[in-house]
PDB file of N, CA and C in Angstrom:
ATOM      1  N   UNK A   1      64.743 100.665  99.001  1.00  0.00           N
ATOM      2  CA  UNK A   1      65.948 100.168  98.382  1.00  0.00           C
ATOM      3  C   UNK A   1      66.956 101.290  98.054  1.00  0.00           C
ATOM      4  N   UNK A   2      66.442 102.465  97.400  1.00  0.00           N
ATOM      5  CA  UNK A   2      67.327 103.500  97.060  1.00  0.00           C
ATOM      6  C   UNK A   2      68.057 104.125  98.272  1.00  0.00           C
ATOM      7  N   UNK A   3      67.329 104.204  99.397  1.00  0.00           N
ATOM      8  CA  UNK A   3      67.964 104.746 100.616  1.00  0.00           C
ATOM      9  C   UNK A   3      69.157 103.908 101.006  1.00  0.00           C
ATOM     10  N   UNK A   4      69.036 102.553 100.837  1.00  0.00           N
ATOM     11  CA  UNK A   4      70.103 101.579 101.220  1.00  0.00           C
ATOM     12  C   UNK A   4      71.307 101.751 100.255  1.00  0.00           C
ATOM     13  N   UNK A   5      71.052 101.967  99.029  1.00  0.00           N
ATOM     14  CA  UNK A   5      72.061 102.263  98.041  1.00  0.00           C
ATOM     15  C   UNK A   5      72.849 103.495  98.335  1.00  0.00           C
ATOM     16  N   UNK A   6      72.044 104.546  98.665  1.00  0.00           N
ATOM     17  CA  UNK A   6      72.684 105.826  98.964  1.00  0.00           C
ATOM     18  C   UNK A   6      73.542 105.713 100.246  1.00  0.00           C
ATOM     19  N   UNK A   7      72.990 105.048 101.261  1.00  0.00           N
ATOM     20  CA  UNK A   7      73.789 104.839 102.524  1.00  0.00           C
ATOM     21  C   UNK A   7      74.999 104.064 102.293  1.00  0.00           C
ATOM     22  N   UNK A   8      74.954 102.985 101.458  1.00  0.00           N
ATOM     23  CA  UNK A   8      76.179 102.216 101.130  1.00  0.00           C
ATOM     24  C   UNK A   8      77.166 103.071 100.437  1.00  0.00           C
ATOM     25  N   UNK A   9      76.658 103.891  99.520  1.00  0.00           N
ATOM     26  CA  UNK A   9      77.611 104.730  98.633  1.00  0.00           C
ATOM     27  C   UNK A   9      78.368 105.592  99.632  1.00  0.00           C
ATOM     28  N   UNK A  10      77.784 106.204 100.615  1.00  0.00           N
ATOM     29  CA  UNK A  10      78.521 107.158 101.465  1.00  0.00           C
ATOM     30  C   UNK A  10      79.288 106.379 102.639  1.00  0.00           C
ATOM     31  N   UNK A  11      78.745 105.388 103.258  1.00  0.00           N
ATOM     32  CA  UNK A  11      79.416 104.731 104.281  1.00  0.00           C
ATOM     33  C   UNK A  11      80.446 103.718 103.939  1.00  0.00           C
ATOM     34  N   UNK A  12      80.193 102.939 102.935  1.00  0.00           N
ATOM     35  CA  UNK A  12      81.151 101.851 102.443  1.00  0.00           C
ATOM     36  C   UNK A  12      82.023 102.285 101.380  1.00  0.00           C
ATOM     37  N   UNK A  13      81.396 102.848 100.285  1.00  0.00           N
ATOM     38  CA  UNK A  13      82.164 103.180  99.102  1.00  0.00           C
ATOM     39  C   UNK A  13      82.944 104.487  99.299  1.00  0.00           C
ATOM     40  N   UNK A  14      82.547 105.271 100.225  1.00  0.00           N
ATOM     41  CA  UNK A  14      83.375 106.516 100.540  1.00  0.00           C
ATOM     42  C   UNK A  14      82.948 107.665  99.490  1.00  0.00           C
ATOM     43  N   UNK A  15      81.832 107.605  98.878  1.00  0.00           N
ATOM     44  CA  UNK A  15      81.403 108.735  98.013  1.00  0.00           C
ATOM     45  C   UNK A  15      81.186 110.044  98.856  1.00  0.00           C
ATOM     46  N   UNK A  16      81.380 111.172  98.212  1.00  0.00           N
ATOM     47  CA  UNK A  16      81.050 112.414  98.840  1.00  0.00           C
ATOM     48  C   UNK A  16      79.802 113.035  98.128  1.00  0.00           C
ATOM     49  N   UNK A  17      79.598 112.610  96.824  1.00  0.00           N
ATOM     50  CA  UNK A  17      78.606 113.208  95.928  1.00  0.00           C
ATOM     51  C   UNK A  17      78.045 112.068  95.122  1.00  0.00           C
ATOM     52  N   UNK A  18      76.670 112.117  94.953  1.00  0.00           N
ATOM     53  CA  UNK A  18      76.000 111.251  94.005  1.00  0.00           C
ATOM     54  C   UNK A  18      75.286 112.163  92.983  1.00  0.00           C
ATOM     55  N   UNK A  19      75.353 111.912  91.745  1.00  0.00           N
ATOM     56  CA  UNK A  19      74.648 112.726  90.676  1.00  0.00           C
ATOM     57  C   UNK A  19      73.653 111.835  89.998  1.00  0.00           C
ATOM     58  N   UNK A  20      72.578 112.561  89.613  1.00  0.00           N
ATOM     59  CA  UNK A  20      71.538 111.901  88.811  1.00  0.00           C
ATOM     60  C   UNK A  20      71.088 112.891  87.712  1.00  0.00           C
ATOM     61  N   UNK A  21      70.821 112.354  86.504  1.00  0.00           N
ATOM     62  CA  UNK A  21      70.390 113.155  85.421  1.00  0.00           C
ATOM     63  C   UNK A  21      69.021 112.618  84.996  1.00  0.00           C
ATOM     64  N   UNK A  22      68.169 113.664  84.648  1.00  0.00           N
ATOM     65  CA  UNK A  22      66.871 113.294  84.082  1.00  0.00           C
ATOM     66  C   UNK A  22      66.617 114.140  82.860  1.00  0.00           C
ATOM     67  N   UNK A  23      65.636 113.587  82.021  1.00  0.00           N
ATOM     68  CA  UNK A  23      65.116 114.542  80.996  1.00  0.00           C
ATOM     69  C   UNK A  23      64.418 115.710  81.604  1.00  0.00           C
ATOM     70  N   UNK A  24      64.344 116.788  80.799  1.00  0.00           N
ATOM     71  CA  UNK A  24      63.814 118.004  81.405  1.00  0.00           C
ATOM     72  C   UNK A  24      62.406 117.842  81.820  1.00  0.00           C
ATOM     73  N   UNK A  25      61.640 117.005  81.155  1.00  0.00           N
ATOM     74  CA  UNK A  25      60.191 116.799  81.534  1.00  0.00           C
ATOM     75  C   UNK A  25      59.817 115.564  82.406  1.00  0.00           C
ATOM     76  N   UNK A  26      60.762 115.029  82.944  1.00  0.00           N
ATOM     77  CA  UNK A  26      60.588 113.715  83.673  1.00  0.00           C
ATOM     78  C   UNK A  26      60.128 113.975  85.128  1.00  0.00           C
ATOM     79  N   UNK A  27      58.989 114.513  85.291  1.00  0.00           N
ATOM     80  CA  UNK A  27      58.444 114.947  86.684  1.00  0.00           C
ATOM     81  C   UNK A  27      58.493 113.838  87.710  1.00  0.00           C
ATOM     82  N   UNK A  28      58.066 112.645  87.405  1.00  0.00           N
ATOM     83  CA  UNK A  28      58.178 111.536  88.519  1.00  0.00           C
ATOM     84  C   UNK A  28      59.578 111.310  88.892  1.00  0.00           C
ATOM     85  N   UNK A  29      60.573 111.245  87.992  1.00  0.00           N
ATOM     86  CA  UNK A  29      61.949 111.147  88.401  1.00  0.00           C
ATOM     87  C   UNK A  29      62.492 112.240  89.228  1.00  0.00           C
ATOM     88  N   UNK A  30      62.199 113.496  88.810  1.00  0.00           N
ATOM     89  CA  UNK A  30      62.592 114.617  89.538  1.00  0.00           C
ATOM     90  C   UNK A  30      61.966 114.682  91.004  1.00  0.00           C
ATOM     91  N   UNK A  31      60.690 114.300  91.058  1.00  0.00           N
ATOM     92  CA  UNK A  31      60.046 114.295  92.385  1.00  0.00           C
ATOM     93  C   UNK A  31      60.671 113.270  93.264  1.00  0.00           C
ATOM     94  N   UNK A  32      60.977 112.120  92.775  1.00  0.00           N
ATOM     95  CA  UNK A  32      61.684 111.095  93.584  1.00  0.00           C
ATOM     96  C   UNK A  32      63.031 111.537  94.079  1.00  0.00           C
ATOM     97  N   UNK A  33      63.843 112.131  93.256  1.00  0.00           N
ATOM     98  CA  UNK A  33      65.197 112.619  93.586  1.00  0.00           C
ATOM     99  C   UNK A  33      64.999 113.736  94.701  1.00  0.00           C
ATOM    100  N   UNK A  34      64.056 114.619  94.464  1.00  0.00           N
ATOM    101  CA  UNK A  34      63.840 115.692  95.527  1.00  0.00           C
ATOM    102  C   UNK A  34      63.381 115.115  96.813  1.00  0.00           C
ATOM    103  N   UNK A  35      62.528 114.091  96.813  1.00  0.00           N
ATOM    104  CA  UNK A  35      62.123 113.359  98.053  1.00  0.00           C
ATOM    105  C   UNK A  35      63.243 112.753  98.766  1.00  0.00           C
ATOM    106  N   UNK A  36      64.249 112.269  98.015  1.00  0.00           N
ATOM    107  CA  UNK A  36      65.488 111.639  98.596  1.00  0.00           C
ATOM    108  C   UNK A  36      66.428 112.704  99.095  1.00  0.00           C
ATOM    109  N   UNK A  37      66.174 113.966  98.816  1.00  0.00           N
ATOM    110  CA  UNK A  37      67.126 114.984  99.332  1.00  0.00           C
ATOM    111  C   UNK A  37      68.091 115.592  98.199  1.00  0.00           C
ATOM    112  N   UNK A  38      67.925 115.180  96.967  1.00  0.00           N
ATOM    113  CA  UNK A  38      68.729 115.659  95.909  1.00  0.00           C
ATOM    114  C   UNK A  38      68.429 117.118  95.659  1.00  0.00           C
ATOM    115  N   UNK A  39      69.349 117.936  95.233  1.00  0.00           N
ATOM    116  CA  UNK A  39      69.133 119.301  94.878  1.00  0.00           C
ATOM    117  C   UNK A  39      69.503 119.475  93.396  1.00  0.00           C
ATOM    118  N   UNK A  40      68.683 120.285  92.699  1.00  0.00           N
ATOM    119  CA  UNK A  40      69.015 120.566  91.313  1.00  0.00           C
ATOM    120  C   UNK A  40      70.114 121.414  91.131  1.00  0.00           C
ATOM    121  N   UNK A  41      71.184 121.009  90.333  1.00  0.00           N
ATOM    122  CA  UNK A  41      72.340 121.813  90.082  1.00  0.00           C
ATOM    123  C   UNK A  41      72.165 122.629  88.865  1.00  0.00           C
ATOM    124  N   UNK A  42      71.433 122.158  87.934  1.00  0.00           N
ATOM    125  CA  UNK A  42      71.215 122.990  86.740  1.00  0.00           C
ATOM    126  C   UNK A  42      70.886 122.150  85.539  1.00  0.00           C
ATOM    127  N   UNK A  43      70.943 122.749  84.298  1.00  0.00           N
ATOM    128  CA  UNK A  43      70.679 122.089  83.065  1.00  0.00           C
ATOM    129  C   UNK A  43      71.954 121.970  82.323  1.00  0.00           C
ATOM    130  N   UNK A  44      72.260 120.699  81.907  1.00  0.00           N
ATOM    131  CA  UNK A  44      73.325 120.460  80.990  1.00  0.00           C
ATOM    132  C   UNK A  44      72.876 120.487  79.551  1.00  0.00           C
ATOM    133  N   UNK A  45      73.173 121.569  78.843  1.00  0.00           N
ATOM    134  CA  UNK A  45      72.697 121.777  77.528  1.00  0.00           C
ATOM    135  C   UNK A  45      73.472 120.760  76.549  1.00  0.00           C
ATOM    136  N   UNK A  46      72.665 120.167  75.629  1.00  0.00           N
ATOM    137  CA  UNK A  46      73.179 119.314  74.662  1.00  0.00           C
ATOM    138  C   UNK A  46      73.991 118.156  75.257  1.00  0.00           C
ATOM    139  N   UNK A  47      73.683 117.577  76.308  1.00  0.00           N
ATOM    140  CA  UNK A  47      74.477 116.690  77.060  1.00  0.00           C
ATOM    141  C   UNK A  47      74.417 115.235  76.577  1.00  0.00           C
ATOM    142  N   UNK A  48      73.255 114.781  76.106  1.00  0.00           N
ATOM    143  CA  UNK A  48      73.113 113.381  75.744  1.00  0.00           C
ATOM    144  C   UNK A  48      72.662 113.330  74.301  1.00  0.00           C
ATOM    145  N   UNK A  49      73.318 112.412  73.545  1.00  0.00           N
ATOM    146  CA  UNK A  49      72.884 112.156  72.232  1.00  0.00           C
ATOM    147  C   UNK A  49      71.588 111.340  72.194  1.00  0.00           C
ATOM    148  N   UNK A  50      70.658 111.831  71.306  1.00  0.00           N
ATOM    149  CA  UNK A  50      69.326 111.113  71.162  1.00  0.00           C
ATOM    150  C   UNK A  50      68.894 111.171  69.784  1.00  0.00           C
ATOM    151  N   UNK A  51      68.629 110.027  69.159  1.00  0.00           N
ATOM    152  CA  UNK A  51      68.236 109.919  67.759  1.00  0.00           C
ATOM    153  C   UNK A  51      69.261 110.580  66.850  1.00  0.00           C
ATOM    154  N   UNK A  52      68.899 111.650  66.295  1.00  0.00           N
ATOM    155  CA  UNK A  52      69.844 112.344  65.293  1.00  0.00           C
ATOM    156  C   UNK A  52      70.436 113.601  65.905  1.00  0.00           C
ATOM    157  N   UNK A  53      70.306 113.816  67.178  1.00  0.00           N
ATOM    158  CA  UNK A  53      70.859 115.107  67.759  1.00  0.00           C
ATOM    159  C   UNK A  53      71.116 114.860  69.187  1.00  0.00           C
ATOM    160  N   UNK A  54      71.108 116.026  69.909  1.00  0.00           N
ATOM    161  CA  UNK A  54      71.493 116.053  71.312  1.00  0.00           C
ATOM    162  C   UNK A  54      70.301 116.671  72.128  1.00  0.00           C
ATOM    163  N   UNK A  55      70.182 116.248  73.403  1.00  0.00           N
ATOM    164  CA  UNK A  55      69.126 116.777  74.208  1.00  0.00           C
ATOM    165  C   UNK A  55      69.760 117.307  75.588  1.00  0.00           C
ATOM    166  N   UNK A  56      68.996 118.239  76.190  1.00  0.00           N
ATOM    167  CA  UNK A  56      69.390 118.785  77.431  1.00  0.00           C
ATOM    168  C   UNK A  56      69.050 117.737  78.554  1.00  0.00           C
ATOM    169  N   UNK A  57      69.838 117.792  79.652  1.00  0.00           N
ATOM    170  CA  UNK A  57      69.566 116.994  80.771  1.00  0.00           C
ATOM    171  C   UNK A  57      69.533 117.799  82.055  1.00  0.00           C
ATOM    172  N   UNK A  58      68.602 117.520  82.930  1.00  0.00           N
ATOM    173  CA  UNK A  58      68.617 118.179  84.249  1.00  0.00           C
ATOM    174  C   UNK A  58      69.580 117.415  85.223  1.00  0.00           C
ATOM    175  N   UNK A  59      70.424 118.125  85.888  1.00  0.00           N
ATOM    176  CA  UNK A  59      71.422 117.520  86.825  1.00  0.00           C
ATOM    177  C   UNK A  59      70.916 117.758  88.238  1.00  0.00           C
ATOM    178  N   UNK A  60      70.875 116.640  89.046  1.00  0.00           N
ATOM    179  CA  UNK A  60      70.731 116.772  90.475  1.00  0.00           C
ATOM    180  C   UNK A  60      71.848 116.071  91.154  1.00  0.00           C
ATOM    181  N   UNK A  61      72.173 116.555  92.478  1.00  0.00           N
ATOM    182  CA  UNK A  61      73.228 116.005  93.269  1.00  0.00           C
ATOM    183  C   UNK A  61      72.817 115.834  94.740  1.00  0.00           C
ATOM    184  N   UNK A  62      73.364 114.907  95.388  1.00  0.00           N
ATOM    185  CA  UNK A  62      73.212 114.714  96.850  1.00  0.00           C
ATOM    186  C   UNK A  62      74.543 114.576  97.430  1.00  0.00           C
ATOM    187  N   UNK A  63      74.867 115.482  98.334  1.00  0.00           N
ATOM    188  CA  UNK A  63      76.103 115.504  99.067  1.00  0.00           C
ATOM    189  C   UNK A  63      76.020 114.642 100.297  1.00  0.00           C
ATOM    190  N   UNK A  64      77.169 113.994 100.659  1.00  0.00           N
ATOM    191  CA  UNK A  64      77.150 113.243 101.931  1.00  0.00           C
ATOM    192  C   UNK A  64      76.648 114.024 103.125  1.00  0.00           C
ATOM    193  N   UNK A  65      77.039 115.268 103.232  1.00  0.00           N
ATOM    194  CA  UNK A  65      76.592 115.980 104.367  1.00  0.00           C
ATOM    195  C   UNK A  65      75.114 116.348 104.348  1.00  0.00           C
ATOM    196  N   UNK A  66      74.491 116.499 103.190  1.00  0.00           N
ATOM    197  CA  UNK A  66      73.061 116.756 103.085  1.00  0.00           C
ATOM    198  C   UNK A  66      72.315 115.465 103.512  1.00  0.00           C
ATOM    199  N   UNK A  67      72.864 114.315 103.033  1.00  0.00           N
ATOM    200  CA  UNK A  67      72.296 112.995 103.350  1.00  0.00           C
ATOM    201  C   UNK A  67      72.339 112.806 104.884  1.00  0.00           C
ATOM    202  N   UNK A  68      73.408 113.108 105.498  1.00  0.00           N
ATOM    203  CA  UNK A  68      73.510 112.912 106.956  1.00  0.00           C
ATOM    204  C   UNK A  68      72.539 113.781 107.701  1.00  0.00           C
ATOM    205  N   UNK A  69      72.389 114.990 107.214  1.00  0.00           N
ATOM    206  CA  UNK A  69      71.407 115.892 107.902  1.00  0.00           C
ATOM    207  C   UNK A  69      70.016 115.396 107.766  1.00  0.00           C
ATOM    208  N   UNK A  70      69.628 114.885 106.508  1.00  0.00           N
ATOM    209  CA  UNK A  70      68.319 114.397 106.220  1.00  0.00           C
ATOM    210  C   UNK A  70      68.081 113.103 107.114  1.00  0.00           C
ATOM    211  N   UNK A  71      69.163 112.183 107.133  1.00  0.00           N
ATOM    212  CA  UNK A  71      68.979 110.915 107.883  1.00  0.00           C
ATOM    213  C   UNK A  71      68.826 111.164 109.382  1.00  0.00           C
ATOM    214  N   UNK A  72      69.468 112.202 109.883  1.00  0.00           N
ATOM    215  CA  UNK A  72      69.335 112.519 111.271  1.00  0.00           C
ATOM    216  C   UNK A  72      67.896 112.945 111.669  1.00  0.00           C
ATOM    217  N   UNK A  73      67.239 113.587 110.717  1.00  0.00           N
ATOM    218  CA  UNK A  73      65.802 114.034 111.006  1.00  0.00           C
ATOM    219  C   UNK A  73      64.869 112.803 110.929  1.00  0.00           C
ATOM    220  N   UNK A  74      65.121 111.860 109.974  1.00  0.00           N
ATOM    221  CA  UNK A  74      64.245 110.681 109.743  1.00  0.00           C
ATOM    222  C   UNK A  74      64.360 109.705 110.898  1.00  0.00           C
ATOM    223  N   UNK A  75      65.567 109.441 111.406  1.00  0.00           N
ATOM    224  CA  UNK A  75      65.729 108.407 112.538  1.00  0.00           C
ATOM    225  C   UNK A  75      65.784 109.102 113.743  1.00  0.00           C
TER     226      UNK A  75
END
């Protein structure tokens, strides 16, 4: 299902970039993003408010050109 959403985002909605944020220790989420072709851009320090303070978030992105290269290999 995620692949279909990504494909729609690029082909129909006209996106060039999709971003995803995870907690720093969210290994299953990070592994899924990497499997889909996302690349880590970096850490956004103090990005999200949580309880009484702020926490860091890990930022991933997938460019349309990267998705097209990955899709060409799969199909």
